[in-house]
C-alpha atoms as a PDB file:
ATOM      1  CA  MET A   1     -15.669  -1.388 -19.366  1.00  0.00           C
ATOM      2  CA  TYR A   2     -18.195  -0.015 -16.833  1.00  0.00           C
ATOM      3  CA  TRP A   3     -20.548   1.077 -19.602  1.00  0.00           C
ATOM      4  CA  GLU A   4     -20.604  -2.443 -21.081  1.00  0.00           C
ATOM      5  CA  HIS A   5     -20.680  -4.239 -17.696  1.00  0.00           C
ATOM      6  CA  PRO A   6     -22.589  -2.076 -15.186  1.00  0.00           C
ATOM      7  CA  ALA A   7     -22.689  -2.823 -11.458  1.00  0.00           C
ATOM      8  CA  VAL A   8     -25.214  -5.492 -10.431  1.00  0.00           C
ATOM      9  CA  THR A   9     -27.035  -2.936  -8.263  1.00  0.00           C
ATOM     10  CA  GLY A  10     -27.248  -0.430 -11.109  1.00  0.00           C
ATOM     11  CA  ASP A  11     -24.910   1.976  -9.279  1.00  0.00           C
ATOM     12  CA  LEU A  12     -22.817   4.224 -11.459  1.00  0.00           C
ATOM     13  CA  ILE A  13     -19.072   3.709 -11.276  1.00  0.00           C
ATOM     14  CA  GLY A  14     -16.689   6.519 -12.008  1.00  0.00           C
ATOM     15  CA  VAL A  15     -12.922   6.511 -12.326  1.00  0.00           C
ATOM     16  CA  PHE A  16     -11.194   9.810 -11.620  1.00  0.00           C
ATOM     17  CA  GLN A  17      -7.531  10.555 -12.174  1.00  0.00           C
ATOM     18  CA  PRO A  18      -6.348  14.165 -11.876  1.00  0.00           C
ATOM     19  CA  SER A  19      -2.931  13.473 -13.373  1.00  0.00           C
ATOM     20  CA  HIS A  20      -1.794  11.424 -16.313  1.00  0.00           C
ATOM     21  CA  GLU A  21       1.829  12.436 -16.034  1.00  0.00           C
ATOM     22  CA  GLY A  22       3.308   8.950 -15.679  1.00  0.00           C
ATOM     23  CA  GLU A  23       6.430  10.054 -13.815  1.00  0.00           C
ATOM     24  CA  GLN A  24       7.422  11.826 -10.639  1.00  0.00           C
ATOM     25  CA  ARG A  25       8.253  15.522 -10.929  1.00  0.00           C
ATOM     26  CA  THR A  26      10.116  16.502  -7.784  1.00  0.00           C
ATOM     27  CA  ASP A  27       9.517  20.052  -6.499  1.00  0.00           C
ATOM     28  CA  ASN A  28       6.691  20.706  -8.980  1.00  0.00           C
ATOM     29  CA  LYS A  29       3.851  22.040  -6.784  1.00  0.00           C
ATOM     30  CA  LEU A  30       1.077  21.394  -9.331  1.00  0.00           C
ATOM     31  CA  HIS A  31       2.262  17.822  -9.791  1.00  0.00           C
ATOM     32  CA  ASP A  32       2.376  17.353  -5.999  1.00  0.00           C
ATOM     33  CA  ARG A  33      -1.213  18.628  -5.654  1.00  0.00           C
ATOM     34  CA  LYS A  34      -2.437  16.245  -8.348  1.00  0.00           C
ATOM     35  CA  ALA A  35      -0.642  13.325  -6.685  1.00  0.00           C
ATOM     36  CA  LEU A  36      -2.180  14.152  -3.304  1.00  0.00           C
ATOM     37  CA  ALA A  37      -5.629  14.432  -4.899  1.00  0.00           C
ATOM     38  CA  GLU A  38      -5.192  10.970  -6.440  1.00  0.00           C
ATOM     39  CA  MET A  39      -4.196   9.463  -3.088  1.00  0.00           C
ATOM     40  CA  PHE A  40      -7.256  11.020  -1.429  1.00  0.00           C
ATOM     41  CA  LEU A  41      -9.529   9.744  -4.217  1.00  0.00           C
ATOM     42  CA  LEU A  42      -8.105   6.232  -3.806  1.00  0.00           C
ATOM     43  CA  SER A  43      -8.750   6.399  -0.058  1.00  0.00           C
ATOM     44  CA  PHE A  44     -12.509   6.717  -0.707  1.00  0.00           C
ATOM     45  CA  SER A  45     -12.601   3.292  -2.385  1.00  0.00           C
ATOM     46  CA  ASP A  46     -14.707   0.540  -0.864  1.00  0.00           C
ATOM     47  CA  VAL A  47     -12.077  -1.991  -1.938  1.00  0.00           C
ATOM     48  CA  LEU A  48      -8.493  -1.114  -2.797  1.00  0.00           C
ATOM     49  CA  VAL A  49      -6.262  -3.191  -5.055  1.00  0.00           C
ATOM     50  CA  THR A  50      -2.750  -1.851  -5.325  1.00  0.00           C
ATOM     51  CA  SER A  51       0.693  -2.920  -6.472  1.00  0.00           C
ATOM     52  CA  ALA A  52       3.569  -3.878  -4.207  1.00  0.00           C
ATOM     53  CA  TRP A  53       5.744  -0.977  -3.033  1.00  0.00           C
ATOM     54  CA  SER A  54       3.079   1.566  -4.097  1.00  0.00           C
ATOM     55  CA  THR A  55       3.394   4.855  -2.221  1.00  0.00           C
ATOM     56  CA  PHE A  56      -0.013   5.939  -3.542  1.00  0.00           C
ATOM     57  CA  GLY A  57      -1.486   2.659  -2.311  1.00  0.00           C
ATOM     58  CA  TYR A  58       0.151   2.927   1.120  1.00  0.00           C
ATOM     59  CA  VAL A  59      -1.081   6.485   1.651  1.00  0.00           C
ATOM     60  CA  ALA A  60      -4.601   5.670   0.393  1.00  0.00           C
ATOM     61  CA  GLN A  61      -4.919   2.603   2.623  1.00  0.00           C
ATOM     62  CA  GLY A  62      -3.831   4.604   5.668  1.00  0.00           C
ATOM     63  CA  LEU A  63      -6.120   7.561   4.942  1.00  0.00           C
ATOM     64  CA  GLY A  64      -9.104   5.336   4.198  1.00  0.00           C
ATOM     65  CA  GLY A  65      -8.510   2.767   6.937  1.00  0.00           C
ATOM     66  CA  LEU A  66      -8.471   0.068   4.241  1.00  0.00           C
ATOM     67  CA  LYS A  67      -6.800  -3.330   4.249  1.00  0.00           C
ATOM     68  CA  PRO A  68      -5.965  -3.509   0.565  1.00  0.00           C
ATOM     69  CA  TRP A  69      -5.516  -6.381  -1.815  1.00  0.00           C
ATOM     70  CA  ILE A  70      -1.967  -6.253  -3.125  1.00  0.00           C
ATOM     71  CA  LEU A  71      -0.563  -7.521  -6.408  1.00  0.00           C
ATOM     72  CA  PHE A  72       2.881  -8.949  -5.742  1.00  0.00           C
ATOM     73  CA  LYS A  73       5.815  -8.212  -8.036  1.00  0.00           C
ATOM     74  CA  PRO A  74       7.049 -11.048 -10.264  1.00  0.00           C
ATOM     75  CA  GLU A  75      10.519 -12.330  -9.408  1.00  0.00           C
ATOM     76  CA  ASN A  76      12.792 -13.743 -12.112  1.00  0.00           C
ATOM     77  CA  GLN A  77       9.896 -13.280 -14.569  1.00  0.00           C
ATOM     78  CA  THR A  78       7.766 -15.671 -12.487  1.00  0.00           C
ATOM     79  CA  VAL A  79       4.341 -14.693 -11.187  1.00  0.00           C
ATOM     80  CA  PRO A  80       4.090 -15.313  -7.428  1.00  0.00           C
ATOM     81  CA  ASN A  81       1.616 -17.888  -6.161  1.00  0.00           C
ATOM     82  CA  PRO A  82      -0.767 -16.460  -5.110  1.00  0.00           C
ATOM     83  CA  PRO A  83      -0.337 -13.347  -7.275  1.00  0.00           C
ATOM     84  CA  CYS A  84      -2.342 -11.246  -4.818  1.00  0.00           C
ATOM     85  CA  ARG A  85      -3.833 -11.353  -1.334  1.00  0.00           C
ATOM     86  CA  ARG A  86      -5.381  -9.105   1.258  1.00  0.00           C
ATOM     87  CA  LEU A  87      -2.840  -7.441   3.544  1.00  0.00           C
ATOM     88  CA  GLN A  88      -2.800  -7.890   7.302  1.00  0.00           C
ATOM     89  CA  SER A  89      -2.910  -4.183   8.096  1.00  0.00           C
ATOM     90  CA  MET A  90      -4.146  -0.820   6.884  1.00  0.00           C
ATOM     91  CA  GLU A  91      -0.859   0.720   8.032  1.00  0.00           C
ATOM     92  CA  PRO A  92       1.696   1.713   5.383  1.00  0.00           C
ATOM     93  CA  CYS A  93       5.001  -0.144   5.104  1.00  0.00           C
ATOM     94  CA  PHE A  94       8.100   1.651   6.424  1.00  0.00           C
ATOM     95  CA  HIS A  95      10.697   0.828   3.754  1.00  0.00           C
ATOM     96  CA  ALA A  96      13.796   1.877   5.674  1.00  0.00           C
ATOM     97  CA  PRO A  97      13.446   0.792   9.310  1.00  0.00           C
ATOM     98  CA  PRO A  98      16.398   0.865  11.699  1.00  0.00           C
ATOM     99  CA  LEU A  99      18.335  -2.385  11.885  1.00  0.00           C
ATOM    100  CA  TRP A 100      20.305  -1.457  14.992  1.00  0.00           C
ATOM    101  CA  ASP A 101      19.352  -2.292  18.586  1.00  0.00           C
ATOM    102  CA  CYS A 102      20.695   0.690  20.558  1.00  0.00           C
ATOM    103  CA  LYS A 103      20.241  -1.040  23.911  1.00  0.00           C
ATOM    104  CA  GLU A 104      22.146  -4.174  22.843  1.00  0.00           C
ATOM    105  CA  LYS A 105      24.537  -2.203  20.595  1.00  0.00           C
ATOM    106  CA  ARG A 106      24.217  -4.673  17.720  1.00  0.00           C
ATOM    107  CA  GLY A 107      22.207  -5.342  14.582  1.00  0.00           C
ATOM    108  CA  THR A 108      18.841  -6.973  15.161  1.00  0.00           C
ATOM    109  CA  ASP A 109      15.613  -8.065  13.490  1.00  0.00           C
ATOM    110  CA  THR A 110      13.474  -5.049  14.347  1.00  0.00           C
ATOM    111  CA  GLY A 111      10.403  -6.924  13.115  1.00  0.00           C
ATOM    112  CA  ALA A 112      10.702  -9.361  16.034  1.00  0.00           C
ATOM    113  CA  ILE A 113      10.979  -6.936  18.958  1.00  0.00           C
ATOM    114  CA  LEU A 114       7.327  -5.961  19.507  1.00  0.00           C
ATOM    115  CA  PRO A 115       4.259  -8.130  18.854  1.00  0.00           C
ATOM    116  CA  ASN A 116       2.428  -5.365  16.971  1.00  0.00           C
ATOM    117  CA  VAL A 117       5.335  -4.598  14.592  1.00  0.00           C
ATOM    118  CA  ARG A 118       5.895  -7.079  11.775  1.00  0.00           C
ATOM    119  CA  HIS A 119       7.714  -7.285   8.487  1.00  0.00           C
ATOM    120  CA  CYS A 120       5.699  -6.051   5.529  1.00  0.00           C
ATOM    121  CA  GLU A 121       4.153  -8.589   3.213  1.00  0.00           C
ATOM    122  CA  ASP A 122       5.417  -6.918   0.053  1.00  0.00           C
ATOM    123  CA  ILE A 123       8.879  -5.805   1.264  1.00  0.00           C
ATOM    124  CA  SER A 124      10.576  -8.362   3.483  1.00  0.00           C
ATOM    125  CA  TRP A 125      12.882  -5.850   5.223  1.00  0.00           C
ATOM    126  CA  GLY A 126      10.140  -3.222   5.753  1.00  0.00           C
ATOM    127  CA  LEU A 127       8.084  -2.841   8.938  1.00  0.00           C
ATOM    128  CA  GLN A 128       4.449  -2.063   9.608  1.00  0.00           C
ATOM    129  CA  LEU A 129       2.095  -1.879  12.551  1.00  0.00           C
ATOM    130  CA  ILE A 130      -0.558  -4.574  12.857  1.00  0.00           C
ATOM    131  CA  ASP A 131      -3.522  -5.018  15.173  1.00  0.00           C
ATOM    132  CA  ILE A 132      -2.609  -8.111  17.215  1.00  0.00           C
ATOM    133  CA  HIS A 133      -6.141  -8.278  18.657  1.00  0.00           C
ATOM    134  CA  GLU A 134      -7.717  -8.680  15.216  1.00  0.00           C
ATOM    135  CA  SER A 135      -6.122 -12.031  14.413  1.00  0.00           C
END
């Protein structure tokens, strides 16, 4: 694709992927090193487009200080409208936040307690930090 349609500026574009394993291999040190290398390579991108719930994308955006474009998952075989958008934060999404308010001793919406903590855009129950001064 890049050979047939070069960058407007004439810059060379390279795509590097240390692993082509296609599946997670828990406790395999070589696999873990390749995965980490891929996340670091992604973090050097000028623009990052990633899929919803992507651990590689979350780590890359945090390492690179990038606010990525995210492709949302279809629901009930229907493509979301819009299918992608730029996220509000470079911070990764915490998929399993606490739902308990220890002070009040009851369940609570932990995404509504602090102004700089909001629900993630790709996982409604997840939490992430946002810069409230950037808005």
